[in-house]
Structures are given as C-alpha cells and as structure tokens.
PDB file of N, CA and C in Angstrom:
ATOM      1  N   SER A   1     129.969 -51.979-115.805  1.00  0.00           N
ATOM      2  CA  SER A   1     129.203 -51.938-117.041  1.00  0.00           C
ATOM      3  C   SER A   1     129.994 -51.142-118.075  1.00  0.00           C
ATOM      4  N   HIS A   2     129.526 -51.162-119.291  1.00  0.00           N
ATOM      5  CA  HIS A   2     130.167 -50.433-120.395  1.00  0.00           C
ATOM      6  C   HIS A   2     129.099 -49.720-121.222  1.00  0.00           C
ATOM      7  N   ASN A   3     129.432 -48.558-121.729  1.00  0.00           N
ATOM      8  CA  ASN A   3     128.512 -47.795-122.557  1.00  0.00           C
ATOM      9  C   ASN A   3     128.688 -48.053-124.042  1.00  0.00           C
ATOM     10  N   HIS A   4     129.833 -48.624-124.440  1.00  0.00           N
ATOM     11  CA  HIS A   4     130.138 -48.741-125.863  1.00  0.00           C
ATOM     12  C   HIS A   4     130.526 -50.141-126.309  1.00  0.00           C
ATOM     13  N   ARG A   5     130.463 -51.128-125.436  1.00  0.00           N
ATOM     14  CA  ARG A   5     130.872 -52.478-125.823  1.00  0.00           C
ATOM     15  C   ARG A   5     130.073 -53.542-125.087  1.00  0.00           C
ATOM     16  N   SER A   6     129.977 -54.684-125.722  1.00  0.00           N
ATOM     17  CA  SER A   6     129.463 -55.890-125.074  1.00  0.00           C
ATOM     18  C   SER A   6     130.620 -56.869-124.982  1.00  0.00           C
ATOM     19  N   GLU A   7     130.438 -57.944-124.212  1.00  0.00           N
ATOM     20  CA  GLU A   7     131.517 -58.905-124.023  1.00  0.00           C
ATOM     21  C   GLU A   7     130.980 -60.324-124.111  1.00  0.00           C
ATOM     22  N   HIS A   8     131.865 -61.216-124.482  1.00  0.00           N
ATOM     23  CA  HIS A   8     131.577 -62.650-124.501  1.00  0.00           C
ATOM     24  C   HIS A   8     132.725 -63.312-123.757  1.00  0.00           C
ATOM     25  N   TRP A   9     132.420 -64.017-122.665  1.00  0.00           N
ATOM     26  CA  TRP A   9     133.448 -64.682-121.860  1.00  0.00           C
ATOM     27  C   TRP A   9     133.365 -66.184-122.088  1.00  0.00           C
ATOM     28  N   VAL A  10     134.491 -66.805-122.401  1.00  0.00           N
ATOM     29  CA  VAL A  10     134.576 -68.252-122.596  1.00  0.00           C
ATOM     30  C   VAL A  10     135.518 -68.808-121.527  1.00  0.00           C
ATOM     31  N   VAL A  11     135.031 -69.742-120.716  1.00  0.00           N
ATOM     32  CA  VAL A  11     135.867 -70.351-119.684  1.00  0.00           C
ATOM     33  C   VAL A  11     136.698 -71.465-120.325  1.00  0.00           C
ATOM     34  N   VAL A  12     138.000 -71.343-120.206  1.00  0.00           N
ATOM     35  CA  VAL A  12     138.939 -72.319-120.744  1.00  0.00           C
ATOM     36  C   VAL A  12     139.279 -73.355-119.680  1.00  0.00           C
ATOM     37  N   GLU A  13     139.381 -72.895-118.433  1.00  0.00           N
ATOM     38  CA  GLU A  13     139.781 -73.773-117.339  1.00  0.00           C
ATOM     39  C   GLU A  13     139.197 -73.224-116.045  1.00  0.00           C
ATOM     40  N   GLY A  14     138.685 -74.109-115.199  1.00  0.00           N
ATOM     41  CA  GLY A  14     138.149 -73.690-113.912  1.00  0.00           C
ATOM     42  C   GLY A  14     136.654 -73.438-113.953  1.00  0.00           C
ATOM     43  N   THR A  15     136.191 -72.717-112.940  1.00  0.00           N
ATOM     44  CA  THR A  15     134.769 -72.401-112.782  1.00  0.00           C
ATOM     45  C   THR A  15     134.622 -70.923-112.454  1.00  0.00           C
ATOM     46  N   ALA A  16     133.670 -70.269-113.107  1.00  0.00           N
ATOM     47  CA  ALA A  16     133.407 -68.854-112.853  1.00  0.00           C
ATOM     48  C   ALA A  16     131.998 -68.680-112.312  1.00  0.00           C
ATOM     49  N   LYS A  17     131.862 -67.829-111.324  1.00  0.00           N
ATOM     50  CA  LYS A  17     130.544 -67.380-110.856  1.00  0.00           C
ATOM     51  C   LYS A  17     130.326 -66.023-111.510  1.00  0.00           C
ATOM     52  N   VAL A  18     129.349 -65.948-112.407  1.00  0.00           N
ATOM     53  CA  VAL A  18     129.132 -64.748-113.207  1.00  0.00           C
ATOM     54  C   VAL A  18     127.804 -64.115-112.815  1.00  0.00           C
ATOM     55  N   THR A  19     127.838 -62.824-112.542  1.00  0.00           N
ATOM     56  CA  THR A  19     126.626 -62.059-112.262  1.00  0.00           C
ATOM     57  C   THR A  19     126.429 -61.060-113.390  1.00  0.00           C
ATOM     58  N   ILE A  20     125.263 -61.119-114.035  1.00  0.00           N
ATOM     59  CA  ILE A  20     124.885 -60.170-115.078  1.00  0.00           C
ATOM     60  C   ILE A  20     123.559 -59.562-114.648  1.00  0.00           C
ATOM     61  N   ASP A  21     123.591 -58.265-114.338  1.00  0.00           N
ATOM     62  CA  ASP A  21     122.455 -57.587-113.711  1.00  0.00           C
ATOM     63  C   ASP A  21     122.045 -58.389-112.469  1.00  0.00           C
ATOM     64  N   GLU A  22     120.863 -58.958-112.405  1.00  0.00           N
ATOM     65  CA  GLU A  22     120.414 -59.699-111.218  1.00  0.00           C
ATOM     66  C   GLU A  22     120.581 -61.208-111.367  1.00  0.00           C
ATOM     67  N   ASN A  23     121.038 -61.671-112.527  1.00  0.00           N
ATOM     68  CA  ASN A  23     121.154 -63.102-112.806  1.00  0.00           C
ATOM     69  C   ASN A  23     122.548 -63.616-112.423  1.00  0.00           C
ATOM     70  N   VAL A  24     122.596 -64.642-111.559  1.00  0.00           N
ATOM     71  CA  VAL A  24     123.857 -65.252-111.147  1.00  0.00           C
ATOM     72  C   VAL A  24     123.897 -66.669-111.713  1.00  0.00           C
ATOM     73  N   GLN A  25     125.027 -67.019-112.355  1.00  0.00           N
ATOM     74  CA  GLN A  25     125.149 -68.354-112.920  1.00  0.00           C
ATOM     75  C   GLN A  25     126.572 -68.866-112.782  1.00  0.00           C
ATOM     76  N   THR A  26     126.707 -70.181-112.826  1.00  0.00           N
ATOM     77  CA  THR A  26     128.008 -70.820-112.797  1.00  0.00           C
ATOM     78  C   THR A  26     128.368 -71.222-114.219  1.00  0.00           C
ATOM     79  N   VAL A  27     129.580 -70.865-114.626  1.00  0.00           N
ATOM     80  CA  VAL A  27     130.057 -71.171-115.970  1.00  0.00           C
ATOM     81  C   VAL A  27     131.325 -71.991-115.814  1.00  0.00           C
ATOM     82  N   THR A  28     131.348 -73.163-116.427  1.00  0.00           N
ATOM     83  CA  THR A  28     132.480 -74.062-116.285  1.00  0.00           C
ATOM     84  C   THR A  28     133.220 -74.218-117.606  1.00  0.00           C
ATOM     85  N   GLU A  29     134.274 -75.017-117.573  1.00  0.00           N
ATOM     86  CA  GLU A  29     135.140 -75.229-118.732  1.00  0.00           C
ATOM     87  C   GLU A  29     134.337 -75.531-119.998  1.00  0.00           C
ATOM     88  N   ASN A  30     134.688 -74.825-121.072  1.00  0.00           N
ATOM     89  CA  ASN A  30     134.080 -74.970-122.392  1.00  0.00           C
ATOM     90  C   ASN A  30     132.667 -74.389-122.471  1.00  0.00           C
ATOM     91  N   GLN A  31     132.273 -73.576-121.497  1.00  0.00           N
ATOM     92  CA  GLN A  31     130.997 -72.869-121.544  1.00  0.00           C
ATOM     93  C   GLN A  31     131.277 -71.381-121.691  1.00  0.00           C
ATOM     94  N   SER A  32     130.259 -70.639-122.112  1.00  0.00           N
ATOM     95  CA  SER A  32     130.444 -69.201-122.307  1.00  0.00           C
ATOM     96  C   SER A  32     129.217 -68.443-121.840  1.00  0.00           C
ATOM     97  N   VAL A  33     129.395 -67.133-121.719  1.00  0.00           N
ATOM     98  CA  VAL A  33     128.314 -66.248-121.314  1.00  0.00           C
ATOM     99  C   VAL A  33     128.461 -64.941-122.090  1.00  0.00           C
ATOM    100  N   TYR A  34     127.325 -64.349-122.436  1.00  0.00           N
ATOM    101  CA  TYR A  34     127.292 -63.082-123.174  1.00  0.00           C
ATOM    102  C   TYR A  34     126.883 -61.964-122.229  1.00  0.00           C
ATOM    103  N   ILE A  35     127.632 -60.856-122.249  1.00  0.00           N
ATOM    104  CA  ILE A  35     127.309 -59.689-121.436  1.00  0.00           C
ATOM    105  C   ILE A  35     126.868 -58.573-122.376  1.00  0.00           C
ATOM    106  N   PRO A  36     125.581 -58.239-122.388  1.00  0.00           N
ATOM    107  CA  PRO A  36     125.095 -57.210-123.305  1.00  0.00           C
ATOM    108  C   PRO A  36     125.597 -55.811-122.948  1.00  0.00           C
ATOM    109  N   LEU A  37     125.594 -54.951-123.918  1.00  0.00           N
ATOM    110  CA  LEU A  37     125.944 -53.545-123.744  1.00  0.00           C
ATOM    111  C   LEU A  37     125.135 -52.957-122.586  1.00  0.00           C
ATOM    112  N   GLY A  38     125.823 -52.316-121.637  1.00  0.00           N
ATOM    113  CA  GLY A  38     125.161 -51.646-120.524  1.00  0.00           C
ATOM    114  C   GLY A  38     124.834 -52.519-119.329  1.00  0.00           C
ATOM    115  N   ALA A  39     125.001 -53.838-119.447  1.00  0.00           N
ATOM    116  CA  ALA A  39     124.666 -54.730-118.327  1.00  0.00           C
ATOM    117  C   ALA A  39     125.698 -54.593-117.207  1.00  0.00           C
ATOM    118  N   ILE A  40     125.225 -54.575-115.981  1.00  0.00           N
ATOM    119  CA  ILE A  40     126.109 -54.573-114.817  1.00  0.00           C
ATOM    120  C   ILE A  40     126.588 -56.008-114.633  1.00  0.00           C
ATOM    121  N   HIS A  41     127.906 -56.201-114.567  1.00  0.00           N
ATOM    122  CA  HIS A  41     128.431 -57.560-114.517  1.00  0.00           C
ATOM    123  C   HIS A  41     129.672 -57.668-113.647  1.00  0.00           C
ATOM    124  N   ARG A  42     129.894 -58.902-113.179  1.00  0.00           N
ATOM    125  CA  ARG A  42     131.098 -59.205-112.412  1.00  0.00           C
ATOM    126  C   ARG A  42     131.346 -60.701-112.495  1.00  0.00           C
ATOM    127  N   MET A  43     132.587 -61.077-112.226  1.00  0.00           N
ATOM    128  CA  MET A  43     132.988 -62.475-112.247  1.00  0.00           C
ATOM    129  C   MET A  43     133.792 -62.784-111.006  1.00  0.00           C
ATOM    130  N   GLU A  44     133.583 -63.978-110.463  1.00  0.00           N
ATOM    131  CA  GLU A  44     134.342 -64.446-109.306  1.00  0.00           C
ATOM    132  C   GLU A  44     134.843 -65.856-109.595  1.00  0.00           C
ATOM    133  N   ASN A  45     135.946 -66.219-108.970  1.00  0.00           N
ATOM    134  CA  ASN A  45     136.429 -67.593-108.999  1.00  0.00           C
ATOM    135  C   ASN A  45     136.044 -68.228-107.670  1.00  0.00           C
ATOM    136  N   PRO A  46     134.986 -69.052-107.641  1.00  0.00           N
ATOM    137  CA  PRO A  46     134.540 -69.633-106.378  1.00  0.00           C
ATOM    138  C   PRO A  46     135.338 -70.864-105.959  1.00  0.00           C
ATOM    139  N   GLY A  47     136.218 -71.340-106.822  1.00  0.00           N
ATOM    140  CA  GLY A  47     136.926 -72.583-106.547  1.00  0.00           C
ATOM    141  C   GLY A  47     138.344 -72.379-106.062  1.00  0.00           C
ATOM    142  N   GLN A  48     139.028 -73.497-105.876  1.00  0.00           N
ATOM    143  CA  GLN A  48     140.423 -73.489-105.441  1.00  0.00           C
ATOM    144  C   GLN A  48     141.384 -73.486-106.623  1.00  0.00           C
ATOM    145  N   LEU A  49     140.928 -73.933-107.789  1.00  0.00           N
ATOM    146  CA  LEU A  49     141.768 -74.009-108.976  1.00  0.00           C
ATOM    147  C   LEU A  49     141.779 -72.674-109.708  1.00  0.00           C
ATOM    148  N   PRO A  50     142.844 -72.398-110.457  1.00  0.00           N
ATOM    149  CA  PRO A  50     142.882 -71.160-111.244  1.00  0.00           C
ATOM    150  C   PRO A  50     141.756 -71.114-112.275  1.00  0.00           C
ATOM    151  N   LEU A  51     141.301 -69.916-112.569  1.00  0.00           N
ATOM    152  CA  LEU A  51     140.276 -69.675-113.583  1.00  0.00           C
ATOM    153  C   LEU A  51     140.952 -69.019-114.779  1.00  0.00           C
ATOM    154  N   THR A  52     140.797 -69.626-115.946  1.00  0.00           N
ATOM    155  CA  THR A  52     141.341 -69.069-117.180  1.00  0.00           C
ATOM    156  C   THR A  52     140.183 -68.846-118.133  1.00  0.00           C
ATOM    157  N   LEU A  53     140.124 -67.650-118.734  1.00  0.00           N
ATOM    158  CA  LEU A  53     139.037 -67.370-119.665  1.00  0.00           C
ATOM    159  C   LEU A  53     139.533 -66.522-120.819  1.00  0.00           C
ATOM    160  N   ILE A  54     138.735 -66.514-121.857  1.00  0.00           N
ATOM    161  CA  ILE A  54     138.962 -65.639-123.000  1.00  0.00           C
ATOM    162  C   ILE A  54     137.835 -64.619-123.006  1.00  0.00           C
ATOM    163  N   GLU A  55     138.189 -63.342-123.132  1.00  0.00           N
ATOM    164  CA  GLU A  55     137.196 -62.276-123.207  1.00  0.00           C
ATOM    165  C   GLU A  55     137.235 -61.681-124.600  1.00  0.00           C
ATOM    166  N   VAL A  56     136.085 -61.677-125.263  1.00  0.00           N
ATOM    167  CA  VAL A  56     135.959 -61.062-126.584  1.00  0.00           C
ATOM    168  C   VAL A  56     135.068 -59.840-126.423  1.00  0.00           C
ATOM    169  N   GLN A  57     135.561 -58.681-126.837  1.00  0.00           N
ATOM    170  CA  GLN A  57     134.803 -57.444-126.740  1.00  0.00           C
ATOM    171  C   GLN A  57     134.350 -57.025-128.136  1.00  0.00           C
ATOM    172  N   THR A  58     133.089 -56.596-128.240  1.00  0.00           N
ATOM    173  CA  THR A  58     132.580 -56.064-129.503  1.00  0.00           C
ATOM    174  C   THR A  58     131.893 -54.735-129.217  1.00  0.00           C
ATOM    175  N   GLY A  59     132.029 -53.806-130.129  1.00  0.00           N
ATOM    176  CA  GLY A  59     131.397 -52.515-129.954  1.00  0.00           C
ATOM    177  C   GLY A  59     132.112 -51.434-130.723  1.00  0.00           C
ATOM    178  N   THR A  60     131.869 -50.196-130.320  1.00  0.00           N
ATOM    179  CA  THR A  60     132.403 -49.046-131.044  1.00  0.00           C
ATOM    180  C   THR A  60     133.605 -48.402-130.382  1.00  0.00           C
ATOM    181  N   TYR A  61     133.872 -48.757-129.095  1.00  0.00           N
ATOM    182  CA  TYR A  61     134.969 -48.126-128.377  1.00  0.00           C
ATOM    183  C   TYR A  61     135.431 -49.058-127.275  1.00  0.00           C
ATOM    184  N   PHE A  62     136.770 -49.195-127.104  1.00  0.00           N
ATOM    185  CA  PHE A  62     137.308 -50.162-126.157  1.00  0.00           C
ATOM    186  C   PHE A  62     138.269 -49.536-125.142  1.00  0.00           C
ATOM    187  N   GLY A  63     138.260 -48.231-124.991  1.00  0.00           N
ATOM    188  CA  GLY A  63     139.144 -47.560-124.040  1.00  0.00           C
ATOM    189  C   GLY A  63     138.806 -47.900-122.601  1.00  0.00           C
ATOM    190  N   GLU A  64     139.816 -47.786-121.742  1.00  0.00           N
ATOM    191  CA  GLU A  64     139.630 -48.077-120.318  1.00  0.00           C
ATOM    192  C   GLU A  64     138.599 -47.145-119.667  1.00  0.00           C
ATOM    193  N   ASP A  65     138.406 -45.952-120.234  1.00  0.00           N
ATOM    194  CA  ASP A  65     137.428 -45.029-119.655  1.00  0.00           C
ATOM    195  C   ASP A  65     135.986 -45.423-119.979  1.00  0.00           C
ATOM    196  N   ASP A  66     135.779 -46.532-120.697  1.00  0.00           N
ATOM    197  CA  ASP A  66     134.439 -47.068-120.924  1.00  0.00           C
ATOM    198  C   ASP A  66     134.033 -48.042-119.820  1.00  0.00           C
ATOM    199  N   ILE A  67     134.913 -48.267-118.837  1.00  0.00           N
ATOM    200  CA  ILE A  67     134.597 -49.146-117.717  1.00  0.00           C
ATOM    201  C   ILE A  67     133.927 -48.314-116.621  1.00  0.00           C
ATOM    202  N   VAL A  68     132.682 -48.659-116.309  1.00  0.00           N
ATOM    203  CA  VAL A  68     131.935 -47.976-115.255  1.00  0.00           C
ATOM    204  C   VAL A  68     131.978 -48.877-114.024  1.00  0.00           C
ATOM    205  N   ARG A  69     132.730 -48.466-112.997  1.00  0.00           N
ATOM    206  CA  ARG A  69     132.851 -49.259-111.769  1.00  0.00           C
ATOM    207  C   ARG A  69     131.817 -48.769-110.753  1.00  0.00           C
ATOM    208  N   LEU A  70     130.963 -49.673-110.321  1.00  0.00           N
ATOM    209  CA  LEU A  70     129.909 -49.312-109.387  1.00  0.00           C
ATOM    210  C   LEU A  70     130.334 -49.549-107.944  1.00  0.00           C
ATOM    211  N   GLU A  71     130.954 -50.674-107.684  1.00  0.00           N
ATOM    212  CA  GLU A  71     131.436 -51.019-106.360  1.00  0.00           C
ATOM    213  C   GLU A  71     132.573 -52.005-106.587  1.00  0.00           C
ATOM    214  N   ASP A  72     133.721 -51.736-106.018  1.00  0.00           N
ATOM    215  CA  ASP A  72     134.883 -52.543-106.325  1.00  0.00           C
ATOM    216  C   ASP A  72     135.546 -53.023-105.036  1.00  0.00           C
ATOM    217  N   ASP A  73     135.545 -54.333-104.829  1.00  0.00           N
ATOM    218  CA  ASP A  73     136.134 -54.929-103.634  1.00  0.00           C
ATOM    219  C   ASP A  73     137.640 -54.701-103.563  1.00  0.00           C
ATOM    220  N   TYR A  74     138.258 -54.296-104.688  1.00  0.00           N
ATOM    221  CA  TYR A  74     139.717 -54.155-104.749  1.00  0.00           C
ATOM    222  C   TYR A  74     140.169 -52.693-104.761  1.00  0.00           C
ATOM    223  N   SER A  75     139.250 -51.760-104.531  1.00  0.00           N
ATOM    224  CA  SER A  75     139.528 -50.324-104.425  1.00  0.00           C
ATOM    225  C   SER A  75     140.189 -49.741-105.672  1.00  0.00           C
ATOM    226  N   ARG A  76     139.827 -50.272-106.865  1.00  0.00           N
ATOM    227  CA  ARG A  76     140.347 -49.701-108.102  1.00  0.00           C
ATOM    228  C   ARG A  76     139.499 -48.498-108.490  1.00  0.00           C
ATOM    229  N   ASN A  77     140.109 -47.555-109.167  1.00  0.00           N
ATOM    230  CA  ASN A  77     139.386 -46.370-109.637  1.00  0.00           C
ATOM    231  C   ASN A  77     138.990 -46.540-111.086  1.00  0.00           C
TER     232      ASN A  77
END
C-alpha cells in the first residue's frame, strides 16, 4: 500500500491477476485498474506469456519509502 499516492495500471500485453484489498480481478490487454490511496494491492502474472503494463502514479510523494510491504513472496525489504 502507499500513504501518499494512488496508481493506475494499464495492461499493454498479457493478463494480470490484480488484488485490491479483498477484490480479485483479471485484467487483460487494453484494460486498466485504479488503485486508490491506501489500498492494499498486488499483481500476479497467471499466464505463460509475458505481462507488460504501464503504471501511472498520482499523489504528493513518490519516494520508495512510501511503499508499505505487508507480506512479500520475494523477501524484499
């Protein structure tokens, strides 16, 4: 989640499984999803093909320290 920004993800190629708070949805090529400020979110590539997307961030601050990691399958800090 983020304390100072929201995001808009646009899928350019492939399929994304997007979780925003408790809502899980599939987003495919030429579709988009909005992630509101403070929402817990994650994205997965459920397919075999590469996933390409554009992420647009809006808000008051975009530093890496605005990323709140709750549980990370990749052991990032």
